[in-house]
């Protein structure tokens, strides 16, 4: 199965203090979304967009934007340096 790569990765913080990683594809974004405890409207939208993208019904960059918004809502998004 081919990965749905993001044009530029989304930097997010992780459980370990001071550590971060870059989510660079839809599959990884979907995995991360399922780990988060805050599941607001942006989280819900991001999950739906990721699923649509995995079914080749949405562009990959739409999933990236939705994931970034959900990460921001969760307080996980890190400003790229």
PDB file of N, CA and C in Angstrom:
ATOM      1  N   UNK A   1       0.847  -1.183   0.000  1.00  0.00           N
ATOM      2  CA  UNK A   1       0.000   0.000   0.000  1.00  0.00           C
ATOM      3  C   UNK A   1       0.889   1.242   0.000  1.00  0.00           C
ATOM      4  N   UNK A   2       0.631   2.131  -0.919  1.00  0.00           N
ATOM      5  CA  UNK A   2       1.417   3.362  -1.022  1.00  0.00           C
ATOM      6  C   UNK A   2       1.038   4.330   0.092  1.00  0.00           C
ATOM      7  N   UNK A   3       2.015   5.022   0.595  1.00  0.00           N
ATOM      8  CA  UNK A   3       1.765   6.055   1.607  1.00  0.00           C
ATOM      9  C   UNK A   3       1.270   7.316   0.919  1.00  0.00           C
ATOM     10  N   UNK A   4       0.510   8.084   1.654  1.00  0.00           N
ATOM     11  CA  UNK A   4       0.004   9.374   1.189  1.00  0.00           C
ATOM     12  C   UNK A   4       0.844  10.453   1.865  1.00  0.00           C
ATOM     13  N   UNK A   5       1.929  10.853   1.221  1.00  0.00           N
ATOM     14  CA  UNK A   5       2.919  11.750   1.809  1.00  0.00           C
ATOM     15  C   UNK A   5       2.449  13.195   1.821  1.00  0.00           C
ATOM     16  N   UNK A   6       2.797  13.901   2.898  1.00  0.00           N
ATOM     17  CA  UNK A   6       2.558  15.332   2.994  1.00  0.00           C
ATOM     18  C   UNK A   6       3.681  16.065   2.272  1.00  0.00           C
ATOM     19  N   UNK A   7       3.337  17.206   1.673  1.00  0.00           N
ATOM     20  CA  UNK A   7       4.346  18.028   0.997  1.00  0.00           C
ATOM     21  C   UNK A   7       5.367  18.547   2.006  1.00  0.00           C
ATOM     22  N   UNK A   8       4.900  18.972   3.172  1.00  0.00           N
ATOM     23  CA  UNK A   8       5.810  19.337   4.257  1.00  0.00           C
ATOM     24  C   UNK A   8       5.246  18.729   5.541  1.00  0.00           C
ATOM     25  N   UNK A   9       6.113  18.156   6.375  1.00  0.00           N
ATOM     26  CA  UNK A   9       5.645  17.494   7.594  1.00  0.00           C
ATOM     27  C   UNK A   9       5.035  18.466   8.600  1.00  0.00           C
ATOM     28  N   UNK A  10       4.228  17.914   9.500  1.00  0.00           N
ATOM     29  CA  UNK A  10       3.598  18.690  10.566  1.00  0.00           C
ATOM     30  C   UNK A  10       4.346  18.369  11.863  1.00  0.00           C
ATOM     31  N   UNK A  11       5.036  19.360  12.463  1.00  0.00           N
ATOM     32  CA  UNK A  11       5.752  19.115  13.715  1.00  0.00           C
ATOM     33  C   UNK A  11       4.793  19.088  14.907  1.00  0.00           C
ATOM     34  N   UNK A  12       4.862  18.016  15.675  1.00  0.00           N
ATOM     35  CA  UNK A  12       4.013  17.880  16.858  1.00  0.00           C
ATOM     36  C   UNK A  12       4.857  17.439  18.046  1.00  0.00           C
ATOM     37  N   UNK A  13       4.410  17.818  19.234  1.00  0.00           N
ATOM     38  CA  UNK A  13       5.111  17.379  20.438  1.00  0.00           C
ATOM     39  C   UNK A  13       4.700  15.950  20.745  1.00  0.00           C
ATOM     40  N   UNK A  14       5.515  15.293  21.543  1.00  0.00           N
ATOM     41  CA  UNK A  14       5.197  13.929  21.919  1.00  0.00           C
ATOM     42  C   UNK A  14       5.158  13.800  23.430  1.00  0.00           C
ATOM     43  N   UNK A  15       4.898  12.600  23.901  1.00  0.00           N
ATOM     44  CA  UNK A  15       4.731  12.357  25.330  1.00  0.00           C
ATOM     45  C   UNK A  15       5.979  12.722  26.139  1.00  0.00           C
ATOM     46  N   UNK A  16       7.153  12.497  25.591  1.00  0.00           N
ATOM     47  CA  UNK A  16       8.397  12.805  26.297  1.00  0.00           C
ATOM     48  C   UNK A  16       8.666  14.300  26.237  1.00  0.00           C
ATOM     49  N   UNK A  17       8.876  14.885  27.384  1.00  0.00           N
ATOM     50  CA  UNK A  17       9.102  16.334  27.481  1.00  0.00           C
ATOM     51  C   UNK A  17      10.290  16.765  26.627  1.00  0.00           C
ATOM     52  N   UNK A  18      10.107  17.846  25.907  1.00  0.00           N
ATOM     53  CA  UNK A  18      11.174  18.409  25.098  1.00  0.00           C
ATOM     54  C   UNK A  18      11.410  17.703  23.777  1.00  0.00           C
ATOM     55  N   UNK A  19      10.636  16.685  23.485  1.00  0.00           N
ATOM     56  CA  UNK A  19      10.813  15.924  22.247  1.00  0.00           C
ATOM     57  C   UNK A  19       9.688  16.268  21.273  1.00  0.00           C
ATOM     58  N   UNK A  20      10.002  16.169  19.990  1.00  0.00           N
ATOM     59  CA  UNK A  20       8.979  16.359  18.978  1.00  0.00           C
ATOM     60  C   UNK A  20       9.266  15.434  17.801  1.00  0.00           C
ATOM     61  N   UNK A  21       8.312  15.278  16.946  1.00  0.00           N
ATOM     62  CA  UNK A  21       8.510  14.516  15.725  1.00  0.00           C
ATOM     63  C   UNK A  21       7.674  15.152  14.625  1.00  0.00           C
ATOM     64  N   UNK A  22       7.943  14.738  13.421  1.00  0.00           N
ATOM     65  CA  UNK A  22       7.281  15.321  12.261  1.00  0.00           C
ATOM     66  C   UNK A  22       6.404  14.263  11.595  1.00  0.00           C
ATOM     67  N   UNK A  23       5.119  14.523  11.557  1.00  0.00           N
ATOM     68  CA  UNK A  23       4.176  13.621  10.895  1.00  0.00           C
ATOM     69  C   UNK A  23       4.207  13.974   9.411  1.00  0.00           C
ATOM     70  N   UNK A  24       4.563  12.983   8.580  1.00  0.00           N
ATOM     71  CA  UNK A  24       4.771  13.295   7.171  1.00  0.00           C
ATOM     72  C   UNK A  24       3.885  12.515   6.205  1.00  0.00           C
ATOM     73  N   UNK A  25       2.867  11.813   6.731  1.00  0.00           N
ATOM     74  CA  UNK A  25       1.944  11.127   5.833  1.00  0.00           C
ATOM     75  C   UNK A  25       0.589  10.925   6.512  1.00  0.00           C
ATOM     76  N   UNK A  26      -0.416  10.659   5.713  1.00  0.00           N
ATOM     77  CA  UNK A  26      -1.783  10.541   6.210  1.00  0.00           C
ATOM     78  C   UNK A  26      -1.929   9.360   7.156  1.00  0.00           C
ATOM     79  N   UNK A  27      -1.276   8.263   6.846  1.00  0.00           N
ATOM     80  CA  UNK A  27      -1.381   7.078   7.689  1.00  0.00           C
ATOM     81  C   UNK A  27      -0.914   7.367   9.117  1.00  0.00           C
ATOM     82  N   UNK A  28       0.216   8.041   9.243  1.00  0.00           N
ATOM     83  CA  UNK A  28       0.751   8.399  10.558  1.00  0.00           C
ATOM     84  C   UNK A  28      -0.145   9.424  11.252  1.00  0.00           C
ATOM     85  N   UNK A  29      -0.682  10.369  10.499  1.00  0.00           N
ATOM     86  CA  UNK A  29      -1.592  11.367  11.068  1.00  0.00           C
ATOM     87  C   UNK A  29      -2.817  10.677  11.670  1.00  0.00           C
ATOM     88  N   UNK A  30      -3.373   9.706  10.960  1.00  0.00           N
ATOM     89  CA  UNK A  30      -4.542   8.989  11.470  1.00  0.00           C
ATOM     90  C   UNK A  30      -4.200   8.239  12.754  1.00  0.00           C
ATOM     91  N   UNK A  31      -3.031   7.618  12.804  1.00  0.00           N
ATOM     92  CA  UNK A  31      -2.589   6.912  14.010  1.00  0.00           C
ATOM     93  C   UNK A  31      -2.473   7.884  15.190  1.00  0.00           C
ATOM     94  N   UNK A  32      -1.887   9.037  14.938  1.00  0.00           N
ATOM     95  CA  UNK A  32      -1.712  10.031  16.000  1.00  0.00           C
ATOM     96  C   UNK A  32      -3.048  10.557  16.503  1.00  0.00           C
ATOM     97  N   UNK A  33      -3.955  10.830  15.593  1.00  0.00           N
ATOM     98  CA  UNK A  33      -5.263  11.350  15.987  1.00  0.00           C
ATOM     99  C   UNK A  33      -5.961  10.408  16.970  1.00  0.00           C
ATOM    100  N   UNK A  34      -5.817   9.127  16.764  1.00  0.00           N
ATOM    101  CA  UNK A  34      -6.479   8.153  17.628  1.00  0.00           C
ATOM    102  C   UNK A  34      -5.880   8.098  19.029  1.00  0.00           C
ATOM    103  N   UNK A  35      -4.674   8.623  19.216  1.00  0.00           N
ATOM    104  CA  UNK A  35      -4.013   8.647  20.525  1.00  0.00           C
ATOM    105  C   UNK A  35      -4.458   9.831  21.386  1.00  0.00           C
ATOM    106  N   UNK A  36      -4.967  10.880  20.767  1.00  0.00           N
ATOM    107  CA  UNK A  36      -5.245  12.118  21.487  1.00  0.00           C
ATOM    108  C   UNK A  36      -6.509  12.022  22.325  1.00  0.00           C
ATOM    109  N   UNK A  37      -6.501  12.704  23.461  1.00  0.00           N
ATOM    110  CA  UNK A  37      -7.645  12.659  24.362  1.00  0.00           C
ATOM    111  C   UNK A  37      -8.676  13.749  24.064  1.00  0.00           C
ATOM    112  N   UNK A  38      -8.216  14.898  23.595  1.00  0.00           N
ATOM    113  CA  UNK A  38      -9.140  15.985  23.270  1.00  0.00           C
ATOM    114  C   UNK A  38      -9.687  15.732  21.867  1.00  0.00           C
ATOM    115  N   UNK A  39     -10.975  15.516  21.784  1.00  0.00           N
ATOM    116  CA  UNK A  39     -11.574  15.169  20.502  1.00  0.00           C
ATOM    117  C   UNK A  39     -12.678  16.160  20.154  1.00  0.00           C
ATOM    118  N   UNK A  40     -12.214  17.363  19.827  1.00  0.00           N
ATOM    119  CA  UNK A  40     -13.132  18.434  19.480  1.00  0.00           C
ATOM    120  C   UNK A  40     -13.520  18.396  18.014  1.00  0.00           C
ATOM    121  N   UNK A  41     -14.145  19.456  17.532  1.00  0.00           N
ATOM    122  CA  UNK A  41     -14.620  19.512  16.146  1.00  0.00           C
ATOM    123  C   UNK A  41     -13.489  19.396  15.122  1.00  0.00           C
ATOM    124  N   UNK A  42     -12.340  19.978  15.400  1.00  0.00           N
ATOM    125  CA  UNK A  42     -11.222  19.897  14.443  1.00  0.00           C
ATOM    126  C   UNK A  42     -10.651  18.486  14.398  1.00  0.00           C
ATOM    127  N   UNK A  43     -10.654  17.803  15.540  1.00  0.00           N
ATOM    128  CA  UNK A  43     -10.214  16.410  15.577  1.00  0.00           C
ATOM    129  C   UNK A  43     -11.155  15.553  14.722  1.00  0.00           C
ATOM    130  N   UNK A  44     -12.449  15.745  14.929  1.00  0.00           N
ATOM    131  CA  UNK A  44     -13.457  14.988  14.186  1.00  0.00           C
ATOM    132  C   UNK A  44     -13.307  15.214  12.678  1.00  0.00           C
ATOM    133  N   UNK A  45     -13.145  16.461  12.301  1.00  0.00           N
ATOM    134  CA  UNK A  45     -12.974  16.799  10.885  1.00  0.00           C
ATOM    135  C   UNK A  45     -11.705  16.157  10.323  1.00  0.00           C
ATOM    136  N   UNK A  46     -10.613  16.227  11.073  1.00  0.00           N
ATOM    137  CA  UNK A  46      -9.343  15.654  10.611  1.00  0.00           C
ATOM    138  C   UNK A  46      -9.456  14.146  10.411  1.00  0.00           C
ATOM    139  N   UNK A  47     -10.130  13.457  11.310  1.00  0.00           N
ATOM    140  CA  UNK A  47     -10.318  12.012  11.162  1.00  0.00           C
ATOM    141  C   UNK A  47     -11.099  11.710   9.885  1.00  0.00           C
ATOM    142  N   UNK A  48     -12.174  12.453   9.653  1.00  0.00           N
ATOM    143  CA  UNK A  48     -12.982  12.220   8.447  1.00  0.00           C
ATOM    144  C   UNK A  48     -12.188  12.506   7.178  1.00  0.00           C
ATOM    145  N   UNK A  49     -11.396  13.580   7.179  1.00  0.00           N
ATOM    146  CA  UNK A  49     -10.603  13.920   5.996  1.00  0.00           C
ATOM    147  C   UNK A  49      -9.512  12.881   5.765  1.00  0.00           C
ATOM    148  N   UNK A  50      -8.859  12.423   6.830  1.00  0.00           N
ATOM    149  CA  UNK A  50      -7.832  11.383   6.682  1.00  0.00           C
ATOM    150  C   UNK A  50      -8.430  10.115   6.080  1.00  0.00           C
ATOM    151  N   UNK A  51      -9.593   9.715   6.567  1.00  0.00           N
ATOM    152  CA  UNK A  51     -10.238   8.510   6.032  1.00  0.00           C
ATOM    153  C   UNK A  51     -10.600   8.691   4.556  1.00  0.00           C
ATOM    154  N   UNK A  52     -11.092   9.858   4.201  1.00  0.00           N
ATOM    155  CA  UNK A  52     -11.422  10.131   2.799  1.00  0.00           C
ATOM    156  C   UNK A  52     -10.165  10.113   1.936  1.00  0.00           C
ATOM    157  N   UNK A  53      -9.085  10.650   2.464  1.00  0.00           N
ATOM    158  CA  UNK A  53      -7.827  10.661   1.720  1.00  0.00           C
ATOM    159  C   UNK A  53      -7.313   9.234   1.509  1.00  0.00           C
ATOM    160  N   UNK A  54      -7.412   8.421   2.535  1.00  0.00           N
ATOM    161  CA  UNK A  54      -6.967   7.026   2.417  1.00  0.00           C
ATOM    162  C   UNK A  54      -7.799   6.262   1.382  1.00  0.00           C
ATOM    163  N   UNK A  55      -9.029   6.689   1.173  1.00  0.00           N
ATOM    164  CA  UNK A  55      -9.892   6.086   0.157  1.00  0.00           C
ATOM    165  C   UNK A  55      -9.740   6.789  -1.196  1.00  0.00           C
ATOM    166  N   UNK A  56      -8.733   7.663  -1.299  1.00  0.00           N
ATOM    167  CA  UNK A  56      -8.454   8.425  -2.525  1.00  0.00           C
ATOM    168  C   UNK A  56      -9.633   9.297  -2.962  1.00  0.00           C
ATOM    169  N   UNK A  57     -10.339   9.861  -1.965  1.00  0.00           N
ATOM    170  CA  UNK A  57     -11.459  10.746  -2.245  1.00  0.00           C
ATOM    171  C   UNK A  57     -11.145  12.204  -1.931  1.00  0.00           C
ATOM    172  N   UNK A  58      -9.979  12.454  -1.339  1.00  0.00           N
ATOM    173  CA  UNK A  58      -9.561  13.811  -0.976  1.00  0.00           C
ATOM    174  C   UNK A  58      -8.067  13.938  -1.263  1.00  0.00           C
ATOM    175  N   UNK A  59      -7.609  15.158  -1.560  1.00  0.00           N
ATOM    176  CA  UNK A  59      -6.170  15.368  -1.751  1.00  0.00           C
ATOM    177  C   UNK A  59      -5.409  15.229  -0.434  1.00  0.00           C
ATOM    178  N   UNK A  60      -4.198  14.756  -0.525  1.00  0.00           N
ATOM    179  CA  UNK A  60      -3.346  14.559   0.651  1.00  0.00           C
ATOM    180  C   UNK A  60      -3.143  15.855   1.423  1.00  0.00           C
ATOM    181  N   UNK A  61      -2.970  16.960   0.725  1.00  0.00           N
ATOM    182  CA  UNK A  61      -2.710  18.222   1.415  1.00  0.00           C
ATOM    183  C   UNK A  61      -3.912  18.706   2.223  1.00  0.00           C
ATOM    184  N   UNK A  62      -5.125  18.285   1.863  1.00  0.00           N
ATOM    185  CA  UNK A  62      -6.299  18.613   2.674  1.00  0.00           C
ATOM    186  C   UNK A  62      -6.212  17.892   4.017  1.00  0.00           C
ATOM    187  N   UNK A  63      -5.748  16.653   3.993  1.00  0.00           N
ATOM    188  CA  UNK A  63      -5.562  15.901   5.243  1.00  0.00           C
ATOM    189  C   UNK A  63      -4.475  16.555   6.087  1.00  0.00           C
ATOM    190  N   UNK A  64      -3.425  17.043   5.441  1.00  0.00           N
ATOM    191  CA  UNK A  64      -2.350  17.708   6.173  1.00  0.00           C
ATOM    192  C   UNK A  64      -2.874  18.949   6.895  1.00  0.00           C
ATOM    193  N   UNK A  65      -3.650  19.765   6.176  1.00  0.00           N
ATOM    194  CA  UNK A  65      -4.199  20.988   6.783  1.00  0.00           C
ATOM    195  C   UNK A  65      -5.134  20.655   7.941  1.00  0.00           C
ATOM    196  N   UNK A  66      -5.965  19.640   7.754  1.00  0.00           N
ATOM    197  CA  UNK A  66      -6.905  19.253   8.809  1.00  0.00           C
ATOM    198  C   UNK A  66      -6.156  18.708  10.020  1.00  0.00           C
ATOM    199  N   UNK A  67      -5.108  17.926   9.783  1.00  0.00           N
ATOM    200  CA  UNK A  67      -4.307  17.384  10.885  1.00  0.00           C
ATOM    201  C   UNK A  67      -3.615  18.513  11.649  1.00  0.00           C
ATOM    202  N   UNK A  68      -3.062  19.467  10.929  1.00  0.00           N
ATOM    203  CA  UNK A  68      -2.397  20.595  11.587  1.00  0.00           C
ATOM    204  C   UNK A  68      -3.380  21.379  12.461  1.00  0.00           C
ATOM    205  N   UNK A  69      -4.581  21.604  11.964  1.00  0.00           N
ATOM    206  CA  UNK A  69      -5.598  22.313  12.755  1.00  0.00           C
ATOM    207  C   UNK A  69      -5.972  21.522  14.007  1.00  0.00           C
ATOM    208  N   UNK A  70      -6.112  20.216  13.858  1.00  0.00           N
ATOM    209  CA  UNK A  70      -6.441  19.371  15.011  1.00  0.00           C
ATOM    210  C   UNK A  70      -5.291  19.363  16.023  1.00  0.00           C
ATOM    211  N   UNK A  71      -4.064  19.334  15.526  1.00  0.00           N
ATOM    212  CA  UNK A  71      -2.896  19.369  16.419  1.00  0.00           C
ATOM    213  C   UNK A  71      -2.851  20.689  17.176  1.00  0.00           C
ATOM    214  N   UNK A  72      -3.195  21.757  16.510  1.00  0.00           N
ATOM    215  CA  UNK A  72      -3.240  23.070  17.159  1.00  0.00           C
ATOM    216  C   UNK A  72      -4.323  23.095  18.233  1.00  0.00           C
ATOM    217  N   UNK A  73      -5.492  22.550  17.932  1.00  0.00           N
ATOM    218  CA  UNK A  73      -6.598  22.488  18.885  1.00  0.00           C
ATOM    219  C   UNK A  73      -6.194  21.645  20.110  1.00  0.00           C
ATOM    220  N   UNK A  74      -5.447  20.588  19.900  1.00  0.00           N
ATOM    221  CA  UNK A  74      -5.012  19.697  20.968  1.00  0.00           C
ATOM    222  C   UNK A  74      -3.860  20.288  21.778  1.00  0.00           C
ATOM    223  N   UNK A  75      -3.191  21.312  21.212  1.00  0.00           N
ATOM    224  CA  UNK A  75      -2.018  21.891  21.878  1.00  0.00           C
ATOM    225  C   UNK A  75      -0.754  21.095  21.588  1.00  0.00           C
ATOM    226  N   UNK A  76      -0.784  20.308  20.507  1.00  0.00           N
ATOM    227  CA  UNK A  76       0.351  19.466  20.122  1.00  0.00           C
ATOM    228  C   UNK A  76       1.184  20.089  18.994  1.00  0.00           C
ATOM    229  N   UNK A  77       0.618  21.045  18.271  1.00  0.00           N
ATOM    230  CA  UNK A  77       1.305  21.622  17.124  1.00  0.00           C
ATOM    231  C   UNK A  77       2.473  22.483  17.574  1.00  0.00           C
ATOM    232  N   UNK A  78       3.609  22.301  16.912  1.00  0.00           N
ATOM    233  CA  UNK A  78       4.797  23.109  17.189  1.00  0.00           C
ATOM    234  C   UNK A  78       5.096  23.952  15.968  1.00  0.00           C
ATOM    235  N   UNK A  79       5.366  25.204  16.168  1.00  0.00           N
ATOM    236  CA  UNK A  79       5.695  26.089  15.064  1.00  0.00           C
ATOM    237  C   UNK A  79       7.012  25.640  14.436  1.00  0.00           C
ATOM    238  N   UNK A  80       7.044  25.447  13.117  1.00  0.00           N
ATOM    239  CA  UNK A  80       8.299  25.032  12.475  1.00  0.00           C
ATOM    240  C   UNK A  80       9.398  26.041  12.705  1.00  0.00           C
ATOM    241  N   UNK A  81      10.605  25.531  12.934  1.00  0.00           N
ATOM    242  CA  UNK A  81      11.734  26.433  13.178  1.00  0.00           C
ATOM    243  C   UNK A  81      12.633  26.525  11.976  1.00  0.00           C
TER     244      UNK A  81
END
